[in-house]
C-alpha cells in the first residue's frame, strides 16, 4: 500500500479541486483536513477494533481490507474530479481508506507475529 498513498496529491487537490488556492489560510485548512482524514479513520477503526480478534481467516480479511482501501482511494479521486468543491465526501472516503489500512496492518502484524518462532519474539 506504499505505492497507493494519495498524500502527494493533497496540495494540488486543496489548491485546485477544492478551490482553496487563493483564499489565504483556508487553503492550509483544507490541506490539513485532507492530510488528517486517513489518520482519523485509522484512529476510529482502532477504537472499535475489538471485533478483529473474532475473525479467524486473516488472509481473506487482509484481501478485503486492501480492496476496501483501494476502492475508497479511487472513489475519493473520482469524487474530487466529479464533484469539485464537495470536501466532506473526499474526507469521508479518505477516512474510510485509513480505517481499512489500519485493519490490514493489524492483521498483517498478527500473521507475522504468529508465524515467528517463540525464541524470535
N, C-alpha and C. Protein backbone atom coordinates (compact mmCIF):
# COMPACT_ATOMS: atom_id res chain seq x y z
N UNK A 1 0.81 -1.19 0.00
CA UNK A 1 0.00 0.00 0.00
C UNK A 1 0.86 1.26 0.00
N UNK A 2 2.15 1.07 0.02
CA UNK A 2 3.05 2.22 -0.01
C UNK A 2 2.90 2.98 -1.32
N UNK A 3 2.75 2.27 -2.42
CA UNK A 3 2.67 2.92 -3.72
C UNK A 3 1.30 3.51 -4.02
N UNK A 4 0.33 3.26 -3.17
CA UNK A 4 -1.03 3.74 -3.43
C UNK A 4 -1.44 4.87 -2.49
N UNK A 5 -0.48 5.51 -1.84
CA UNK A 5 -0.81 6.60 -0.94
C UNK A 5 -1.14 7.86 -1.74
N UNK A 6 -2.29 8.45 -1.51
CA UNK A 6 -2.67 9.64 -2.28
C UNK A 6 -2.15 10.95 -1.69
N UNK A 7 -1.33 10.90 -0.65
CA UNK A 7 -0.91 12.11 0.05
C UNK A 7 -0.19 13.12 -0.85
N UNK A 8 0.50 12.64 -1.85
CA UNK A 8 1.24 13.55 -2.73
C UNK A 8 0.30 14.46 -3.53
N UNK A 9 -0.93 14.04 -3.70
CA UNK A 9 -1.88 14.84 -4.48
C UNK A 9 -2.66 15.84 -3.63
N UNK A 10 -2.54 15.75 -2.32
CA UNK A 10 -3.35 16.61 -1.46
C UNK A 10 -3.12 18.10 -1.67
N UNK A 11 -1.88 18.59 -1.81
CA UNK A 11 -1.71 20.03 -2.05
C UNK A 11 -2.40 20.50 -3.33
N UNK A 12 -2.29 19.71 -4.39
CA UNK A 12 -2.95 20.09 -5.65
C UNK A 12 -4.46 20.02 -5.51
N UNK A 13 -4.97 19.02 -4.81
CA UNK A 13 -6.42 18.93 -4.60
C UNK A 13 -6.93 20.12 -3.81
N UNK A 14 -6.20 20.48 -2.76
CA UNK A 14 -6.64 21.61 -1.92
C UNK A 14 -6.63 22.91 -2.70
N UNK A 15 -5.63 23.09 -3.54
CA UNK A 15 -5.49 24.37 -4.26
C UNK A 15 -6.41 24.49 -5.46
N UNK A 16 -6.67 23.39 -6.16
CA UNK A 16 -7.42 23.49 -7.41
C UNK A 16 -8.81 22.88 -7.33
N UNK A 17 -8.90 21.64 -6.96
CA UNK A 17 -10.20 20.95 -6.97
C UNK A 17 -11.12 21.49 -5.89
N UNK A 18 -10.59 21.61 -4.67
CA UNK A 18 -11.43 22.12 -3.58
C UNK A 18 -11.37 23.64 -3.48
N UNK A 19 -10.76 24.28 -4.47
CA UNK A 19 -10.82 25.73 -4.70
C UNK A 19 -10.42 26.55 -3.48
N UNK A 20 -9.36 26.14 -2.82
CA UNK A 20 -8.91 26.90 -1.66
C UNK A 20 -7.56 27.56 -1.92
N UNK A 21 -7.13 27.59 -3.17
CA UNK A 21 -5.80 28.08 -3.50
C UNK A 21 -5.57 29.54 -3.21
N UNK A 22 -6.48 30.41 -3.53
CA UNK A 22 -6.23 31.83 -3.39
C UNK A 22 -6.92 32.45 -2.20
N UNK A 23 -7.27 31.64 -1.21
CA UNK A 23 -8.06 32.19 -0.11
C UNK A 23 -7.29 32.19 1.21
N UNK A 24 -6.03 32.44 1.18
CA UNK A 24 -5.24 32.59 2.41
C UNK A 24 -5.16 31.32 3.24
N UNK A 25 -5.56 31.46 4.50
CA UNK A 25 -5.44 30.36 5.45
C UNK A 25 -6.41 29.22 5.16
N UNK A 26 -7.44 29.47 4.38
CA UNK A 26 -8.39 28.40 4.09
C UNK A 26 -7.74 27.28 3.30
N UNK A 27 -6.80 27.59 2.43
CA UNK A 27 -6.08 26.56 1.68
C UNK A 27 -5.31 25.65 2.61
N UNK A 28 -4.66 26.24 3.61
CA UNK A 28 -3.93 25.43 4.59
C UNK A 28 -4.89 24.58 5.41
N UNK A 29 -6.06 25.11 5.72
CA UNK A 29 -7.06 24.36 6.48
C UNK A 29 -7.55 23.16 5.68
N UNK A 30 -7.86 23.37 4.41
CA UNK A 30 -8.32 22.27 3.56
C UNK A 30 -7.23 21.22 3.42
N UNK A 31 -6.00 21.64 3.22
CA UNK A 31 -4.89 20.70 3.12
C UNK A 31 -4.73 19.92 4.43
N UNK A 32 -4.86 20.58 5.54
CA UNK A 32 -4.77 19.91 6.83
C UNK A 32 -5.87 18.88 7.03
N UNK A 33 -7.08 19.21 6.61
CA UNK A 33 -8.19 18.26 6.72
C UNK A 33 -7.93 17.04 5.84
N UNK A 34 -7.45 17.27 4.63
CA UNK A 34 -7.15 16.14 3.74
C UNK A 34 -6.04 15.27 4.31
N UNK A 35 -5.02 15.89 4.91
CA UNK A 35 -3.92 15.12 5.50
C UNK A 35 -4.37 14.36 6.74
N UNK A 36 -5.30 14.91 7.51
CA UNK A 36 -5.72 14.28 8.76
C UNK A 36 -6.76 13.19 8.56
N UNK A 37 -7.48 13.20 7.47
CA UNK A 37 -8.59 12.26 7.29
C UNK A 37 -8.19 10.80 7.40
N UNK A 38 -7.12 10.31 6.74
CA UNK A 38 -6.76 8.90 6.91
C UNK A 38 -6.35 8.56 8.35
N UNK A 39 -5.68 9.48 9.02
CA UNK A 39 -5.28 9.23 10.41
C UNK A 39 -6.49 9.17 11.32
N UNK A 40 -7.46 10.02 11.09
CA UNK A 40 -8.69 9.99 11.89
C UNK A 40 -9.44 8.69 11.64
N UNK A 41 -9.50 8.25 10.39
CA UNK A 41 -10.13 6.97 10.08
C UNK A 41 -9.42 5.81 10.75
N UNK A 42 -8.09 5.84 10.77
CA UNK A 42 -7.33 4.79 11.45
C UNK A 42 -7.61 4.79 12.94
N UNK A 43 -7.66 5.98 13.53
CA UNK A 43 -7.94 6.07 14.96
C UNK A 43 -9.33 5.55 15.29
N UNK A 44 -10.32 5.92 14.49
CA UNK A 44 -11.67 5.43 14.75
C UNK A 44 -11.77 3.92 14.59
N UNK A 45 -11.07 3.37 13.60
CA UNK A 45 -11.06 1.91 13.43
C UNK A 45 -10.37 1.24 14.62
N UNK A 46 -9.31 1.86 15.12
CA UNK A 46 -8.63 1.33 16.30
C UNK A 46 -9.56 1.31 17.50
N UNK A 47 -10.36 2.36 17.65
CA UNK A 47 -11.26 2.45 18.80
C UNK A 47 -12.34 1.37 18.81
N UNK A 48 -12.69 0.87 17.64
CA UNK A 48 -13.73 -0.17 17.56
C UNK A 48 -13.15 -1.49 17.04
N UNK A 49 -11.87 -1.73 17.29
CA UNK A 49 -11.20 -2.90 16.71
C UNK A 49 -11.36 -4.17 17.54
N UNK A 50 -12.20 -4.18 18.53
CA UNK A 50 -12.39 -5.38 19.33
C UNK A 50 -12.88 -6.58 18.55
N UNK A 51 -13.63 -6.35 17.51
CA UNK A 51 -14.16 -7.45 16.70
C UNK A 51 -13.10 -8.13 15.86
N UNK A 52 -11.93 -7.52 15.71
CA UNK A 52 -10.89 -8.11 14.87
C UNK A 52 -10.40 -9.45 15.41
N UNK A 53 -10.44 -9.63 16.71
CA UNK A 53 -9.99 -10.88 17.30
C UNK A 53 -10.90 -12.06 17.00
N UNK A 54 -12.12 -11.81 16.61
CA UNK A 54 -13.06 -12.90 16.31
C UNK A 54 -12.98 -13.38 14.87
N UNK A 55 -12.19 -12.73 14.05
CA UNK A 55 -12.02 -13.15 12.66
C UNK A 55 -10.89 -14.17 12.61
N UNK A 56 -11.15 -15.34 12.05
CA UNK A 56 -10.15 -16.41 12.03
C UNK A 56 -9.47 -16.56 10.68
N UNK A 57 -10.02 -16.04 9.63
CA UNK A 57 -9.43 -16.14 8.29
C UNK A 57 -8.73 -14.82 7.97
N UNK A 58 -7.55 -14.67 8.51
CA UNK A 58 -6.83 -13.39 8.40
C UNK A 58 -6.47 -13.05 6.96
N UNK A 59 -6.15 -14.04 6.16
CA UNK A 59 -5.79 -13.78 4.77
C UNK A 59 -6.93 -13.14 3.99
N UNK A 60 -8.12 -13.68 4.17
CA UNK A 60 -9.30 -13.11 3.50
C UNK A 60 -9.58 -11.71 4.03
N UNK A 61 -9.41 -11.53 5.34
CA UNK A 61 -9.65 -10.21 5.93
C UNK A 61 -8.66 -9.18 5.38
N UNK A 62 -7.42 -9.59 5.16
CA UNK A 62 -6.42 -8.68 4.59
C UNK A 62 -6.81 -8.30 3.17
N UNK A 63 -7.23 -9.29 2.39
CA UNK A 63 -7.62 -9.01 1.00
C UNK A 63 -8.81 -8.05 0.97
N UNK A 64 -9.80 -8.28 1.82
CA UNK A 64 -10.98 -7.41 1.86
C UNK A 64 -10.57 -6.00 2.30
N UNK A 65 -9.70 -5.90 3.30
CA UNK A 65 -9.26 -4.58 3.77
C UNK A 65 -8.48 -3.84 2.69
N UNK A 66 -7.61 -4.54 1.98
CA UNK A 66 -6.83 -3.89 0.92
C UNK A 66 -7.73 -3.47 -0.24
N UNK A 67 -8.70 -4.31 -0.57
CA UNK A 67 -9.64 -3.93 -1.62
C UNK A 67 -10.47 -2.72 -1.20
N UNK A 68 -10.90 -2.69 0.06
CA UNK A 68 -11.64 -1.55 0.57
C UNK A 68 -10.79 -0.28 0.51
N UNK A 69 -9.54 -0.41 0.88
CA UNK A 69 -8.62 0.73 0.79
C UNK A 69 -8.53 1.25 -0.64
N UNK A 70 -8.29 0.36 -1.56
CA UNK A 70 -8.15 0.76 -2.96
C UNK A 70 -9.40 1.40 -3.52
N UNK A 71 -10.55 0.82 -3.21
CA UNK A 71 -11.81 1.37 -3.71
C UNK A 71 -12.07 2.74 -3.08
N UNK A 72 -11.78 2.88 -1.78
CA UNK A 72 -12.00 4.17 -1.12
C UNK A 72 -11.11 5.26 -1.70
N UNK A 73 -9.84 4.94 -1.96
CA UNK A 73 -8.93 5.93 -2.54
C UNK A 73 -9.37 6.29 -3.96
N UNK A 74 -9.75 5.27 -4.73
CA UNK A 74 -10.20 5.53 -6.10
C UNK A 74 -11.47 6.38 -6.11
N UNK A 75 -12.41 6.06 -5.23
CA UNK A 75 -13.64 6.84 -5.17
C UNK A 75 -13.38 8.26 -4.68
N UNK A 76 -12.41 8.43 -3.79
CA UNK A 76 -12.05 9.79 -3.35
C UNK A 76 -11.53 10.60 -4.53
N UNK A 77 -10.74 9.98 -5.38
CA UNK A 77 -10.26 10.66 -6.58
C UNK A 77 -11.37 10.97 -7.56
N UNK A 78 -12.26 10.01 -7.75
CA UNK A 78 -13.40 10.23 -8.66
C UNK A 78 -14.32 11.31 -8.11
N UNK A 79 -14.54 11.29 -6.79
CA UNK A 79 -15.41 12.30 -6.18
C UNK A 79 -14.78 13.69 -6.29
N UNK A 80 -13.45 13.76 -6.16
CA UNK A 80 -12.79 15.07 -6.25
C UNK A 80 -12.93 15.65 -7.65
N UNK A 81 -12.84 14.81 -8.66
CA UNK A 81 -12.95 15.30 -10.04
C UNK A 81 -14.40 15.47 -10.45
N UNK A 82 -15.25 14.52 -10.06
CA UNK A 82 -16.65 14.56 -10.48
C UNK A 82 -17.50 15.55 -9.71
N UNK A 83 -17.16 15.76 -8.44
CA UNK A 83 -17.91 16.69 -7.60
C UNK A 83 -16.95 17.69 -6.97
N UNK A 84 -16.35 18.57 -7.75
CA UNK A 84 -15.38 19.50 -7.19
C UNK A 84 -16.03 20.42 -6.17
N UNK A 85 -15.32 20.65 -5.10
CA UNK A 85 -15.83 21.52 -4.06
C UNK A 85 -16.58 20.80 -2.96
N UNK A 86 -16.86 19.50 -3.11
CA UNK A 86 -17.57 18.73 -2.08
C UNK A 86 -16.51 18.06 -1.20
N UNK A 87 -15.99 18.81 -0.27
CA UNK A 87 -14.88 18.36 0.56
C UNK A 87 -15.27 17.21 1.48
N UNK A 88 -16.45 17.25 2.05
CA UNK A 88 -16.83 16.24 3.04
C UNK A 88 -16.84 14.83 2.45
N UNK A 89 -17.19 14.68 1.20
CA UNK A 89 -17.21 13.35 0.58
C UNK A 89 -15.79 12.81 0.43
N UNK A 90 -14.89 13.63 -0.04
CA UNK A 90 -13.49 13.21 -0.15
C UNK A 90 -12.88 12.87 1.19
N UNK A 91 -13.17 13.68 2.19
CA UNK A 91 -12.64 13.44 3.53
C UNK A 91 -13.19 12.14 4.11
N UNK A 92 -14.48 11.90 3.91
CA UNK A 92 -15.09 10.66 4.40
C UNK A 92 -14.46 9.44 3.73
N UNK A 93 -14.26 9.50 2.43
CA UNK A 93 -13.65 8.38 1.73
C UNK A 93 -12.19 8.19 2.13
N UNK A 94 -11.48 9.26 2.38
CA UNK A 94 -10.10 9.14 2.85
C UNK A 94 -10.05 8.57 4.27
N UNK A 95 -11.03 8.91 5.10
CA UNK A 95 -11.10 8.32 6.44
C UNK A 95 -11.39 6.82 6.34
N UNK A 96 -12.26 6.44 5.41
CA UNK A 96 -12.52 5.01 5.19
C UNK A 96 -11.25 4.30 4.74
N UNK A 97 -10.48 4.93 3.88
CA UNK A 97 -9.22 4.31 3.45
C UNK A 97 -8.26 4.14 4.62
N UNK A 98 -8.23 5.11 5.52
CA UNK A 98 -7.37 5.00 6.70
C UNK A 98 -7.80 3.88 7.62
N UNK A 99 -9.11 3.71 7.79
CA UNK A 99 -9.59 2.62 8.64
C UNK A 99 -9.29 1.26 8.01
N UNK A 100 -9.44 1.15 6.71
CA UNK A 100 -9.12 -0.11 6.03
C UNK A 100 -7.62 -0.40 6.13
N UNK A 101 -6.80 0.62 6.04
CA UNK A 101 -5.36 0.44 6.17
C UNK A 101 -5.00 -0.04 7.57
N UNK A 102 -5.66 0.48 8.59
CA UNK A 102 -5.39 0.05 9.96
C UNK A 102 -5.77 -1.40 10.15
N UNK A 103 -6.93 -1.81 9.62
CA UNK A 103 -7.38 -3.20 9.75
C UNK A 103 -6.39 -4.13 9.05
N UNK A 104 -5.98 -3.77 7.86
CA UNK A 104 -5.00 -4.57 7.12
C UNK A 104 -3.68 -4.67 7.89
N UNK A 105 -3.24 -3.57 8.43
CA UNK A 105 -1.99 -3.56 9.18
C UNK A 105 -2.08 -4.42 10.43
N UNK A 106 -3.21 -4.39 11.12
CA UNK A 106 -3.38 -5.21 12.31
C UNK A 106 -3.31 -6.69 11.97
N UNK A 107 -3.97 -7.09 10.92
CA UNK A 107 -3.93 -8.50 10.53
C UNK A 107 -2.55 -8.91 10.02
N UNK A 108 -1.89 -8.05 9.27
CA UNK A 108 -0.55 -8.40 8.78
C UNK A 108 0.42 -8.55 9.94
N UNK A 109 0.33 -7.68 10.93
CA UNK A 109 1.20 -7.79 12.10
C UNK A 109 0.89 -9.05 12.89
N UNK A 110 -0.39 -9.39 13.02
CA UNK A 110 -0.78 -10.60 13.73
C UNK A 110 -0.24 -11.84 13.03
N UNK A 111 -0.37 -11.89 11.71
CA UNK A 111 0.15 -13.03 10.97
C UNK A 111 1.67 -13.15 11.11
N UNK A 112 2.36 -12.04 11.08
CA UNK A 112 3.81 -12.05 11.22
C UNK A 112 4.22 -12.56 12.60
N UNK A 113 3.54 -12.09 13.63
CA UNK A 113 3.89 -12.50 14.99
C UNK A 113 3.57 -13.97 15.26
N UNK A 114 2.47 -14.46 14.71
CA UNK A 114 2.13 -15.87 14.93
C UNK A 114 3.02 -16.80 14.11
N UNK A 115 3.59 -16.34 13.01
CA UNK A 115 4.47 -17.17 12.20
C UNK A 115 5.90 -17.19 12.74
N UNK A 116 6.25 -16.23 13.55
CA UNK A 116 7.61 -16.17 14.09
C UNK A 116 7.79 -17.21 15.19
N UNK A 117 8.94 -17.85 15.25
CA UNK A 117 9.19 -18.81 16.33
C UNK A 117 9.22 -18.09 17.68
N UNK A 118 8.94 -18.84 18.75
CA UNK A 118 8.88 -18.24 20.08
C UNK A 118 10.19 -17.57 20.49
N UNK A 119 11.32 -18.16 20.12
CA UNK A 119 12.60 -17.57 20.52
C UNK A 119 12.91 -16.28 19.76
N UNK A 120 12.19 -16.00 18.69
CA UNK A 120 12.39 -14.77 17.92
C UNK A 120 11.48 -13.64 18.39
N UNK A 121 10.51 -13.94 19.20
CA UNK A 121 9.55 -12.90 19.62
C UNK A 121 10.08 -12.08 20.75
